Amino acid sequence: MRTFLPWIVFAVLPSGQWQWAALAALVVAVGLVAQQRTAGAGFDALIIELGSAAFFAGLAAIAFADPDSGVHDYSAALSSATLALIAGVSLLIGKPFTLGIAKRSTPREVWGLKPFIRTNVVITAVWTAAFAVTAAALAVIAHAGNAHSTPATIVQVAGFALPMLFTVRYVAAAQAKAGLQ
């Protein structure tokens, strides 16, 4: 949950103040990176946080430069697309973003085991797909002129809730299969 805090902050702040929402999300992302690095987390555990900081730095710059920019209506879709890109690239380079997160709560002797790595590949692939589908749905909603509507909010919530639910259940099933529960 902490990993996605910048995105949640951006989503819950009023869309009429999107430049401040983007700045707040940037501050949260940078704060998370600093806090996690201080706590000893490696960069592999901060893939989403680092990508979040870069995205919100760019979005805040655009939003402050032109608060009436057309980017505003597509900012939710761009957010999800960015998360899909980050997650997808992490898979392509063989460093699924969930792997670094999972290592925080898993014994070191499990890290190199194929089932542990495979579980994280599957989970990251599900998150990637969820982000991509959410981005597409939000782009369609924005194109229809309803970017900041109840349906858009429902799509955003579902875009996080469904893969989160999958993650919890899939990890529990994988642990049960491995006899770790």
Protein backbone atom coordinates (compact mmCIF):
# COMPACT_ATOMS: atom_id res chain seq x y z
CA MET A 1 0.00 0.00 0.00
CA ARG A 2 2.83 2.37 0.90
CA THR A 3 4.29 1.93 -2.58
CA PHE A 4 1.18 3.44 -4.16
CA LEU A 5 0.70 6.23 -1.63
CA PRO A 6 1.74 9.03 -4.05
CA TRP A 7 -0.84 7.80 -6.57
CA ILE A 8 -3.51 7.61 -3.89
CA VAL A 9 -2.67 11.14 -2.71
CA PHE A 10 -2.95 12.39 -6.29
CA ALA A 11 -6.26 10.58 -6.82
CA VAL A 12 -7.98 11.79 -3.65
CA LEU A 13 -7.02 15.47 -3.79
CA PRO A 14 -9.48 17.74 -5.65
CA SER A 15 -8.96 17.59 -9.40
CA GLY A 16 -9.54 21.34 -9.65
CA GLN A 17 -6.23 21.75 -7.84
CA TRP A 18 -4.36 19.19 -9.88
CA GLN A 19 -1.08 21.09 -9.81
CA TRP A 20 -1.07 20.94 -6.00
CA ALA A 21 -2.15 17.31 -6.07
CA ALA A 22 0.78 16.50 -8.40
CA LEU A 23 3.17 18.42 -6.15
CA ALA A 24 1.84 16.66 -3.03
CA ALA A 25 2.25 13.29 -4.77
CA LEU A 26 5.83 14.23 -5.75
CA VAL A 27 6.65 15.19 -2.15
CA VAL A 28 5.19 11.90 -0.89
CA ALA A 29 7.12 9.90 -3.53
CA VAL A 30 10.43 11.60 -2.69
CA GLY A 31 9.71 11.20 1.02
CA LEU A 32 9.05 7.48 0.56
CA VAL A 33 12.26 6.99 -1.38
CA ALA A 34 14.27 8.86 1.29
CA GLN A 35 12.58 7.02 4.15
CA GLN A 36 13.01 3.61 2.53
CA ARG A 37 16.64 4.22 1.54
CA THR A 38 17.38 5.34 5.11
CA ALA A 39 15.75 2.12 6.34
CA GLY A 40 18.12 0.14 4.09
CA ALA A 41 15.87 -0.66 1.13
CA GLY A 42 17.69 -1.22 -2.13
CA PHE A 43 16.76 0.50 -5.34
CA ASP A 44 15.23 -2.79 -6.56
CA ALA A 45 12.59 -2.39 -3.84
CA LEU A 46 11.86 1.20 -4.93
CA ILE A 47 11.08 0.80 -8.64
CA ILE A 48 7.54 2.15 -8.36
CA GLU A 49 8.55 4.91 -5.92
CA LEU A 50 11.34 6.16 -8.20
CA GLY A 51 9.06 6.03 -11.24
CA SER A 52 6.38 7.82 -9.24
CA ALA A 53 8.77 10.62 -8.32
CA ALA A 54 9.78 11.08 -11.96
CA PHE A 55 6.18 11.03 -13.19
CA PHE A 56 4.89 13.48 -10.62
CA ALA A 57 7.85 15.82 -11.15
CA GLY A 58 6.92 16.02 -14.83
CA LEU A 59 3.20 16.28 -14.16
CA ALA A 60 3.67 19.02 -11.55
CA ALA A 61 5.86 20.97 -13.96
CA ILE A 62 3.18 20.76 -16.68
CA ALA A 63 0.36 21.56 -14.23
CA PHE A 64 2.06 24.64 -12.80
CA ALA A 65 3.20 25.87 -16.22
CA ASP A 66 -0.33 25.58 -17.62
CA PRO A 67 -3.09 24.76 -15.11
CA ASP A 68 -5.58 24.65 -18.01
CA SER A 69 -3.53 22.12 -19.98
CA GLY A 70 -5.42 19.34 -21.72
CA VAL A 71 -3.11 16.96 -19.88
CA HIS A 72 -5.32 17.51 -16.83
CA ASP A 73 -8.24 15.58 -18.28
CA TYR A 74 -5.97 12.67 -19.13
CA SER A 75 -3.85 12.75 -15.96
CA ALA A 76 -5.55 9.71 -14.41
CA ALA A 77 -5.12 7.71 -17.62
CA LEU A 78 -1.50 8.86 -17.88
CA SER A 79 -0.93 7.85 -14.25
CA SER A 80 -2.14 4.32 -14.87
CA ALA A 81 -0.26 4.13 -18.18
CA THR A 82 2.92 5.19 -16.41
CA LEU A 83 2.45 2.50 -13.77
CA ALA A 84 1.84 -0.05 -16.54
CA LEU A 85 5.04 1.08 -18.26
CA ILE A 86 7.09 0.90 -15.05
CA ALA A 87 5.71 -2.52 -14.14
CA GLY A 88 6.07 -3.81 -17.70
CA VAL A 89 9.66 -2.64 -18.02
CA SER A 90 10.47 -4.22 -14.65
CA LEU A 91 9.25 -7.54 -16.11
CA LEU A 92 11.17 -7.07 -19.37
CA ILE A 93 14.46 -6.47 -17.56
CA GLY A 94 13.87 -9.46 -15.27
CA LYS A 95 13.35 -7.39 -12.12
CA PRO A 96 9.61 -7.58 -11.39
CA PHE A 97 8.76 -4.60 -9.20
CA THR A 98 7.06 -6.85 -6.64
CA LEU A 99 10.26 -8.84 -6.09
CA GLY A 100 12.00 -6.06 -4.17
CA ILE A 101 8.86 -5.47 -2.13
CA ALA A 102 8.43 -9.17 -1.37
CA LYS A 103 12.04 -9.45 -0.19
CA ARG A 104 11.22 -7.07 2.66
CA SER A 105 9.05 -9.71 4.34
CA THR A 106 10.62 -12.93 3.08
CA PRO A 107 13.65 -14.79 4.44
CA ARG A 108 16.80 -14.29 2.36
CA GLU A 109 17.13 -18.04 1.69
CA VAL A 110 13.89 -17.94 -0.34
CA TRP A 111 14.87 -15.04 -2.63
CA GLY A 112 16.63 -17.13 -5.27
CA LEU A 113 14.09 -19.97 -5.37
CA LYS A 114 12.21 -20.41 -8.64
CA PRO A 115 8.73 -20.49 -7.00
CA PHE A 116 9.41 -17.17 -5.23
CA ILE A 117 10.61 -15.53 -8.43
CA ARG A 118 7.77 -17.05 -10.49
CA THR A 119 5.19 -15.84 -7.96
CA ASN A 120 6.52 -12.30 -8.30
CA VAL A 121 6.57 -12.49 -12.10
CA VAL A 122 2.90 -13.55 -12.09
CA ILE A 123 1.91 -10.86 -9.58
CA THR A 124 3.78 -8.14 -11.47
CA ALA A 125 2.20 -9.30 -14.75
CA VAL A 126 -1.26 -9.02 -13.20
CA TRP A 127 -0.50 -5.51 -11.89
CA THR A 128 0.87 -4.54 -15.32
CA ALA A 129 -2.27 -5.76 -17.06
CA ALA A 130 -4.52 -4.06 -14.49
CA PHE A 131 -2.68 -0.76 -14.94
CA ALA A 132 -2.91 -1.02 -18.74
CA VAL A 133 -6.63 -1.84 -18.72
CA THR A 134 -7.26 0.95 -16.21
CA ALA A 135 -5.32 3.43 -18.38
CA ALA A 136 -7.31 2.47 -21.47
CA ALA A 137 -10.65 2.71 -19.64
CA LEU A 138 -9.73 6.08 -18.13
CA ALA A 139 -8.63 7.39 -21.53
CA VAL A 140 -11.99 6.40 -23.01
CA ILE A 141 -13.82 8.05 -20.10
CA ALA A 142 -11.69 11.21 -20.44
CA HIS A 143 -12.23 11.32 -24.20
CA ALA A 144 -15.98 11.22 -23.54
CA GLY A 145 -15.60 14.32 -21.38
CA ASN A 146 -16.04 12.56 -18.03
CA ALA A 147 -12.46 12.54 -16.76
CA HIS A 148 -13.34 13.66 -13.24
CA SER A 149 -16.52 11.66 -12.75
CA THR A 150 -17.84 8.87 -10.56
CA PRO A 151 -17.22 6.24 -13.26
CA ALA A 152 -13.60 7.41 -13.51
CA THR A 153 -13.21 7.09 -9.75
CA ILE A 154 -14.73 3.61 -9.78
CA VAL A 155 -12.33 2.53 -12.54
CA GLN A 156 -9.35 3.92 -10.59
CA VAL A 157 -10.37 2.18 -7.37
CA ALA A 158 -10.98 -1.10 -9.20
CA GLY A 159 -7.62 -0.73 -10.95
CA PHE A 160 -5.91 -0.94 -7.57
CA ALA A 161 -8.33 -3.07 -5.56
CA LEU A 162 -8.58 -6.00 -7.97
CA PRO A 163 -4.85 -6.63 -8.41
CA MET A 164 -4.34 -6.06 -4.68
CA LEU A 165 -6.95 -8.72 -3.91
CA PHE A 166 -5.32 -11.03 -6.46
CA THR A 167 -1.91 -10.44 -4.86
CA VAL A 168 -3.10 -11.30 -1.37
CA ARG A 169 -4.85 -14.47 -2.54
CA TYR A 170 -2.09 -15.58 -4.89
CA VAL A 171 0.62 -15.14 -2.26
CA ALA A 172 -1.47 -17.08 0.27
CA ALA A 173 -1.97 -19.90 -2.27
CA ALA A 174 1.73 -19.94 -3.16
CA GLN A 175 2.72 -20.06 0.50
CA ALA A 176 0.25 -22.85 1.19
CA LYS A 177 1.57 -24.81 -1.77
CA ALA A 178 5.12 -24.38 -0.49
CA GLY A 179 4.05 -25.36 3.02
CA LEU A 180 4.97 -21.96 4.47
CA GLN A 181 1.68 -21.29 6.23
